[in-house]
Amino acid sequence: MRILVVEDDVNLNRQLVEALEEAGYVVDKALDGEEGHFLGDTEPYDAVILDIGLPEMDGLTVLEKWRAAGRVMPVLILTARDRWSDKVAGIDAGADDYVAKPFHVEEVLARIRALIRRAAGHASSEIVCGPVRLDTKASKASVSGTQLKLTSHEYRLLSYLMHHMGEVVSRSELVEHLYDQDFDRDSNTIEVFVGRLRKKIGLDLIETVRGLGYRMQAPKDAR
């Protein structure tokens, strides 16, 4: 899952990025509204954390421009605690949720997890595909109760496929959502990670759809 953090406070920006990366996300960041708007308008993100009070272009304007351009990724806005009007304006502009400053990073992480789950049609923090269980809260996965030992890239790949169970996901889409903007992207590495995942899961749950990509779904007798 790939997240964009748009926050002009350097320390807070770094704190959020570090917490998100530790939780297993790929993170891009911006320190002003213009850069944030450009990234959100040109890169595919699974969620965005957007501060309201930004230099160059304020957060509400950024959000309104994204929505007017048809960008539908979930957006969590950061507001000042005593500015209830910002919360209302943010929701009206197209925000999906908000957190008031000062806040605990754990709350932001929980809200981001929830936004991503809901966007993919999942209500619970645990996503199940046959015997495979993905605990989005703990960033862990298991098969028939046995925890899988996954690298960060393998976990991100499994998480994305399970969030989009039953859908055909192209290699290019996986590359866009598993690597940040500065990563030397190579779609061939996706095949390597898929092969490793299949071996570790030990079950035929990830289907190769020739010419299109991959689809993960539970066996017919488990649906």
Protein backbone atom coordinates (compact mmCIF):
# COMPACT_ATOMS: atom_id res chain seq x y z
CA MET A 1 0.00 0.00 0.00
CA ARG A 2 1.33 3.41 -1.00
CA ILE A 3 0.64 6.54 1.06
CA LEU A 4 1.25 10.26 0.42
CA VAL A 5 1.95 12.57 3.37
CA VAL A 6 1.50 16.31 2.72
CA GLU A 7 2.57 18.25 5.82
CA ASP A 8 4.75 21.37 6.02
CA ASP A 9 5.97 20.77 9.57
CA VAL A 10 9.25 18.95 8.87
CA ASN A 11 9.35 17.11 12.19
CA LEU A 12 5.73 15.99 12.02
CA ASN A 13 6.15 14.97 8.39
CA ARG A 14 9.16 12.84 9.29
CA GLN A 15 7.35 11.33 12.29
CA LEU A 16 4.39 10.30 10.15
CA VAL A 17 6.57 8.91 7.36
CA GLU A 18 8.66 6.84 9.79
CA ALA A 19 5.57 5.44 11.54
CA LEU A 20 3.91 4.53 8.24
CA GLU A 21 7.05 2.88 6.88
CA GLU A 22 7.45 0.92 10.11
CA ALA A 23 3.85 -0.26 9.68
CA GLY A 24 4.74 -1.62 6.23
CA TYR A 25 3.57 1.14 3.90
CA VAL A 26 5.45 2.71 1.01
CA VAL A 27 5.44 6.47 1.60
CA ASP A 28 5.99 9.58 -0.52
CA LYS A 29 6.05 13.01 1.10
CA ALA A 30 5.56 16.67 0.25
CA LEU A 31 6.18 19.81 2.32
CA ASP A 32 3.89 22.23 0.49
CA GLY A 33 0.55 22.24 -1.29
CA GLU A 34 1.84 22.60 -4.84
CA GLU A 35 4.13 19.58 -4.61
CA GLY A 36 1.47 17.61 -2.79
CA HIS A 37 -1.13 18.45 -5.42
CA PHE A 38 1.23 17.41 -8.22
CA LEU A 39 2.05 14.06 -6.61
CA GLY A 40 -1.57 13.28 -5.80
CA ASP A 41 -2.61 14.23 -9.32
CA THR A 42 0.02 12.14 -11.10
CA GLU A 43 0.75 9.15 -8.84
CA PRO A 44 -1.63 6.37 -7.69
CA TYR A 45 -1.99 6.38 -3.90
CA ASP A 46 -4.04 4.10 -1.69
CA ALA A 47 -4.54 6.96 0.81
CA VAL A 48 -3.35 10.50 1.51
CA ILE A 49 -2.66 12.35 4.76
CA LEU A 50 -3.21 16.04 4.01
CA ASP A 51 -2.65 19.02 6.29
CA ILE A 52 -5.10 21.90 5.90
CA GLY A 53 -2.63 24.75 6.56
CA LEU A 54 -0.03 24.41 3.80
CA PRO A 55 2.23 26.97 2.07
CA GLU A 56 1.99 27.62 -1.70
CA MET A 57 -1.48 26.04 -1.91
CA ASP A 58 -3.74 25.35 1.09
CA GLY A 59 -4.95 21.84 1.79
CA LEU A 60 -8.61 22.52 0.98
CA THR A 61 -7.68 23.84 -2.45
CA VAL A 62 -5.46 20.82 -3.05
CA LEU A 63 -8.30 18.48 -2.09
CA GLU A 64 -10.89 20.32 -4.19
CA LYS A 65 -8.60 20.17 -7.24
CA TRP A 66 -8.05 16.44 -6.78
CA ARG A 67 -11.77 15.73 -6.51
CA ALA A 68 -12.58 17.99 -9.46
CA ALA A 69 -10.05 16.01 -11.52
CA GLY A 70 -11.70 12.74 -10.52
CA ARG A 71 -9.06 11.59 -8.02
CA VAL A 72 -10.91 9.28 -5.62
CA MET A 73 -8.20 8.02 -3.21
CA PRO A 74 -9.18 8.23 0.49
CA VAL A 75 -7.96 11.44 2.13
CA LEU A 76 -7.39 11.97 5.85
CA ILE A 77 -7.06 15.67 6.70
CA LEU A 78 -5.13 17.11 9.63
CA THR A 79 -6.80 20.07 11.33
CA ALA A 80 -6.25 22.38 14.28
CA ARG A 81 -8.17 21.17 17.34
CA ASP A 82 -10.07 24.45 17.86
CA ARG A 83 -11.01 24.97 14.21
CA TRP A 84 -14.22 22.98 13.82
CA SER A 85 -14.97 24.97 10.67
CA ASP A 86 -11.89 23.42 9.01
CA LYS A 87 -13.26 19.96 9.71
CA VAL A 88 -16.60 20.79 8.12
CA ALA A 89 -14.95 22.48 5.14
CA GLY A 90 -12.61 19.52 4.69
CA ILE A 91 -15.42 16.96 4.68
CA ASP A 92 -17.43 19.13 2.26
CA ALA A 93 -14.39 19.40 -0.01
CA GLY A 94 -14.16 15.62 -0.26
CA ALA A 95 -12.15 14.41 2.74
CA ASP A 96 -13.01 10.96 4.06
CA ASP A 97 -11.90 11.50 7.66
CA TYR A 98 -9.98 13.93 9.85
CA VAL A 99 -7.66 14.03 12.86
CA ALA A 100 -7.23 17.10 15.04
CA LYS A 101 -3.77 18.26 16.14
CA PRO A 102 -2.10 17.37 18.41
CA PHE A 103 -2.73 13.67 17.87
CA HIS A 104 -1.27 10.27 18.61
CA VAL A 105 0.36 8.68 15.58
CA GLU A 106 -1.38 5.40 16.46
CA GLU A 107 -4.74 7.09 15.81
CA VAL A 108 -3.60 8.23 12.38
CA LEU A 109 -2.41 4.71 11.53
CA ALA A 110 -5.72 3.21 12.67
CA ARG A 111 -7.73 5.67 10.59
CA ILE A 112 -5.56 5.08 7.51
CA ARG A 113 -6.00 1.32 7.86
CA ALA A 114 -9.76 1.80 8.10
CA LEU A 115 -9.89 4.11 5.06
CA ILE A 116 -7.91 1.67 2.91
CA ARG A 117 -10.05 -1.28 4.03
CA ARG A 118 -13.31 0.52 3.32
CA ALA A 119 -12.10 1.70 -0.08
CA ALA A 120 -11.45 -1.96 -0.95
CA GLY A 121 -14.78 -3.10 0.50
CA HIS A 122 -13.52 -4.68 3.74
CA ALA A 123 -15.02 -3.83 7.13
CA SER A 124 -12.78 -5.87 9.45
CA SER A 125 -9.11 -5.30 10.28
CA GLU A 126 -8.56 -8.95 9.38
CA ILE A 127 -8.89 -10.02 5.74
CA VAL A 128 -9.36 -13.71 4.98
CA CYS A 129 -8.71 -15.65 1.78
CA GLY A 130 -9.28 -19.35 2.39
CA PRO A 131 -6.76 -20.40 5.06
CA VAL A 132 -4.76 -17.18 4.65
CA ARG A 133 -5.39 -14.43 7.17
CA LEU A 134 -4.02 -10.90 6.89
CA ASP A 135 -3.95 -8.91 10.13
CA THR A 136 -3.76 -5.31 8.90
CA LYS A 137 -3.47 -3.97 12.43
CA ALA A 138 -0.36 -6.02 13.26
CA SER A 139 0.95 -6.14 9.66
CA LYS A 140 1.17 -9.93 9.82
CA ALA A 141 -0.11 -12.84 7.78
CA SER A 142 -0.73 -16.50 8.58
CA VAL A 143 -1.76 -19.73 6.87
CA SER A 144 -3.95 -22.13 8.86
CA GLY A 145 -2.82 -20.40 12.05
CA THR A 146 0.91 -20.52 11.27
CA GLN A 147 2.50 -17.11 10.88
CA LEU A 148 4.23 -16.45 7.57
CA LYS A 149 7.76 -15.08 7.57
CA LEU A 150 7.60 -12.42 4.88
CA THR A 151 9.96 -9.69 3.69
CA SER A 152 8.56 -6.16 3.53
CA HIS A 153 8.03 -6.43 -0.24
CA GLU A 154 6.34 -9.83 0.06
CA TYR A 155 4.00 -8.51 2.76
CA ARG A 156 3.08 -5.46 0.67
CA LEU A 157 2.36 -7.64 -2.34
CA LEU A 158 0.21 -10.06 -0.33
CA SER A 159 -1.60 -7.17 1.35
CA TYR A 160 -2.42 -5.49 -1.96
CA LEU A 161 -3.65 -8.72 -3.56
CA MET A 162 -5.79 -9.57 -0.53
CA HIS A 163 -7.28 -6.08 -0.34
CA HIS A 164 -8.28 -6.60 -3.99
CA MET A 165 -9.33 -10.26 -3.81
CA GLY A 166 -11.11 -11.54 -6.89
CA GLU A 167 -9.81 -8.68 -9.03
CA VAL A 168 -7.19 -8.99 -11.75
CA VAL A 169 -4.29 -6.73 -10.77
CA SER A 170 -1.75 -5.87 -13.47
CA ARG A 171 2.01 -5.93 -12.94
CA SER A 172 2.19 -2.19 -13.60
CA GLU A 173 -0.47 -1.51 -10.94
CA LEU A 174 1.46 -3.59 -8.43
CA VAL A 175 4.68 -1.74 -9.24
CA GLU A 176 2.94 1.62 -8.80
CA HIS A 177 1.51 0.66 -5.41
CA LEU A 178 4.45 -1.25 -3.95
CA TYR A 179 7.31 1.18 -4.67
CA ASP A 180 7.77 4.89 -3.94
CA GLN A 181 8.42 7.46 -6.66
CA ASP A 182 12.22 7.30 -6.32
CA PHE A 183 12.49 3.51 -6.52
CA ASP A 184 14.05 1.97 -9.63
CA ARG A 185 10.92 0.17 -10.71
CA ASP A 186 11.14 -3.11 -12.59
CA SER A 187 7.96 -5.09 -13.19
CA ASN A 188 10.00 -8.28 -13.59
CA THR A 189 10.69 -8.28 -9.84
CA ILE A 190 6.93 -8.71 -9.24
CA GLU A 191 7.12 -12.19 -10.78
CA VAL A 192 9.92 -13.06 -8.36
CA PHE A 193 7.91 -11.90 -5.34
CA VAL A 194 4.78 -13.73 -6.55
CA GLY A 195 6.84 -16.91 -6.89
CA ARG A 196 8.18 -16.53 -3.35
CA LEU A 197 4.71 -15.88 -1.97
CA ARG A 198 3.30 -18.97 -3.64
CA LYS A 199 6.01 -21.13 -2.08
CA LYS A 200 5.54 -19.66 1.39
CA ILE A 201 1.73 -19.92 1.27
CA GLY A 202 1.96 -23.45 -0.09
CA LEU A 203 -1.43 -23.19 -1.77
CA ASP A 204 -2.58 -22.25 -5.25
CA LEU A 205 -4.36 -19.02 -4.33
CA ILE A 206 -2.56 -16.58 -6.63
CA GLU A 207 -3.60 -17.10 -10.23
CA THR A 208 -1.64 -15.77 -13.21
CA VAL A 209 -4.06 -14.28 -15.70
CA ARG A 210 -2.09 -14.45 -18.92
CA GLY A 211 -1.43 -11.06 -20.46
CA LEU A 212 -3.27 -9.23 -17.68
CA GLY A 213 -1.66 -9.85 -14.29
CA TYR A 214 -2.58 -11.72 -11.11
CA ARG A 215 -5.71 -12.55 -9.18
CA MET A 216 -5.92 -13.87 -5.63
CA GLN A 217 -9.00 -15.75 -4.51
CA ALA A 218 -9.97 -18.55 -2.19
CA PRO A 219 -10.49 -22.09 -3.52
CA LYS A 220 -14.07 -22.70 -4.68
CA ASP A 221 -14.77 -25.09 -1.80
CA ALA A 222 -13.68 -22.40 0.70
CA ARG A 223 -15.95 -19.65 -0.60
